[in-house]
Amino acid sequence: MSLVDTQSFLPAAHRVRTSQTELAALIARMNPQDGVTEPLEGLHFRRFSSPTEIGHGVAYPALCVVALGSKEVLLGENRYVYDPDHYLIVTAVLPIASRVIDASPDHPFLSVLIS
């Protein structure tokens, strides 16, 4: 007898994938070209069709959700990767380096950031 009934997880997993697909479609509509759009103050949609070079900057408090692709953030000696299965919450102003690590024309990096 299995301690975990894997069948009970299928509907929830399917709902998550459907939500991610819907979010990716929304971001793609909002951003048909590579770059960042801010339709409302504090709401940013990002799209990149290829990996990016590492960039240095400052992260401000925000929730970052990736619908497609992945990105890495370097904070000191620590490396954080977020993708459709992992979100990023920034709770303080921090100096970071970051780059998109998984993106292609067929599967662009698509994310939303809410500050």
Protein backbone atom coordinates (compact mmCIF):
# COMPACT_ATOMS: atom_id res chain seq x y z
CA MET A 1 0.00 0.00 0.00
CA SER A 2 1.35 3.40 -0.98
CA LEU A 3 1.41 6.16 1.61
CA VAL A 4 0.70 8.75 -1.10
CA ASP A 5 -2.24 8.47 -3.46
CA THR A 6 -0.72 10.00 -6.60
CA GLN A 7 -4.10 10.04 -8.39
CA SER A 8 -5.44 12.65 -5.97
CA PHE A 9 -2.72 15.07 -7.07
CA LEU A 10 -3.52 14.93 -10.79
CA PRO A 11 -6.46 17.34 -10.83
CA ALA A 12 -4.55 19.96 -8.83
CA ALA A 13 -1.45 19.57 -11.01
CA HIS A 14 -3.61 19.93 -14.11
CA ARG A 15 -5.19 23.10 -12.72
CA VAL A 16 -1.75 24.57 -11.99
CA ARG A 17 -0.51 23.87 -15.54
CA THR A 18 -3.70 25.32 -17.01
CA SER A 19 -3.26 28.48 -14.92
CA GLN A 20 0.39 28.78 -16.01
CA THR A 21 -0.65 28.40 -19.65
CA GLU A 22 -3.32 31.07 -19.25
CA LEU A 23 -0.84 33.41 -17.53
CA ALA A 24 1.72 32.85 -20.32
CA ALA A 25 -0.92 33.66 -22.96
CA LEU A 26 -1.90 36.85 -21.13
CA ILE A 27 1.73 38.02 -20.82
CA ALA A 28 2.38 37.18 -24.48
CA ARG A 29 -0.65 39.29 -25.50
CA MET A 30 0.49 42.18 -23.30
CA ASN A 31 4.06 41.92 -24.62
CA PRO A 32 4.10 40.69 -28.24
CA GLN A 33 7.73 41.89 -28.58
CA ASP A 34 10.74 41.41 -26.30
CA GLY A 35 11.04 43.87 -23.46
CA VAL A 36 9.14 45.13 -20.45
CA THR A 37 5.74 46.80 -20.34
CA GLU A 38 4.12 48.51 -17.36
CA PRO A 39 0.39 48.88 -18.13
CA LEU A 40 -0.30 50.01 -14.55
CA GLU A 41 2.12 51.47 -12.03
CA GLY A 42 3.83 48.57 -10.25
CA LEU A 43 2.66 45.89 -12.72
CA HIS A 44 5.42 44.77 -15.10
CA PHE A 45 5.18 42.16 -17.87
CA ARG A 46 8.48 40.81 -19.24
CA ARG A 47 9.23 38.88 -22.43
CA PHE A 48 12.62 37.72 -23.73
CA SER A 49 13.12 35.35 -26.67
CA SER A 50 16.69 34.39 -25.77
CA PRO A 51 18.87 34.18 -22.68
CA THR A 52 20.20 37.55 -21.53
CA GLU A 53 23.57 38.73 -20.34
CA ILE A 54 23.97 39.19 -16.62
CA GLY A 55 22.88 42.63 -15.48
CA HIS A 56 23.55 44.40 -12.21
CA GLY A 57 20.95 46.45 -10.42
CA VAL A 58 18.78 46.87 -7.39
CA ALA A 59 15.78 44.70 -6.51
CA TYR A 60 12.86 46.37 -4.75
CA PRO A 61 10.12 44.63 -2.76
CA ALA A 62 8.05 42.64 -5.24
CA LEU A 63 6.42 39.35 -6.16
CA CYS A 64 7.86 37.82 -9.34
CA VAL A 65 6.04 34.99 -11.12
CA VAL A 66 7.38 33.24 -14.22
CA ALA A 67 4.88 31.69 -16.63
CA LEU A 68 7.47 30.33 -19.09
CA GLY A 69 11.27 30.04 -19.05
CA SER A 70 13.56 30.71 -16.10
CA LYS A 71 15.71 33.41 -14.57
CA GLU A 72 18.51 33.47 -12.03
CA VAL A 73 19.25 36.09 -9.42
CA LEU A 74 22.61 36.38 -7.71
CA LEU A 75 22.69 37.92 -4.25
CA GLY A 76 26.18 37.84 -2.79
CA GLU A 77 27.30 34.20 -2.92
CA ASN A 78 23.72 32.91 -3.22
CA ARG A 79 22.03 31.90 -6.49
CA TYR A 80 18.25 31.79 -6.81
CA VAL A 81 16.50 30.35 -9.87
CA TYR A 82 12.83 30.93 -10.46
CA ASP A 83 10.62 29.42 -13.12
CA PRO A 84 6.98 28.33 -13.55
CA ASP A 85 7.33 26.08 -10.50
CA HIS A 86 9.16 28.61 -8.28
CA TYR A 87 8.31 32.24 -7.60
CA LEU A 88 10.48 34.96 -6.09
CA ILE A 89 9.50 37.33 -3.31
CA VAL A 90 11.80 40.27 -2.58
CA THR A 91 11.15 41.83 0.83
CA ALA A 92 13.89 44.47 0.98
CA VAL A 93 15.91 46.72 -1.33
CA LEU A 94 18.90 44.58 -2.37
CA PRO A 95 21.80 44.87 -4.83
CA ILE A 96 21.55 41.94 -7.25
CA ALA A 97 22.77 40.55 -10.53
CA SER A 98 20.30 38.68 -12.72
CA ARG A 99 19.77 37.12 -16.14
CA VAL A 100 17.28 35.08 -18.10
CA ILE A 101 18.72 31.58 -18.47
CA ASP A 102 15.96 29.71 -20.31
CA ALA A 103 14.27 31.37 -23.29
CA SER A 104 13.87 30.83 -27.02
CA PRO A 105 11.72 32.27 -29.82
CA ASP A 106 9.33 29.28 -29.53
CA HIS A 107 9.30 29.36 -25.71
CA PRO A 108 10.14 32.90 -24.58
CA PHE A 109 10.73 33.90 -20.98
CA LEU A 110 7.42 35.37 -19.81
CA SER A 111 6.95 36.83 -16.34
CA VAL A 112 4.94 39.26 -14.28
CA LEU A 113 6.31 41.39 -11.46
CA ILE A 114 4.07 43.12 -8.96
CA SER A 115 5.78 45.72 -6.81
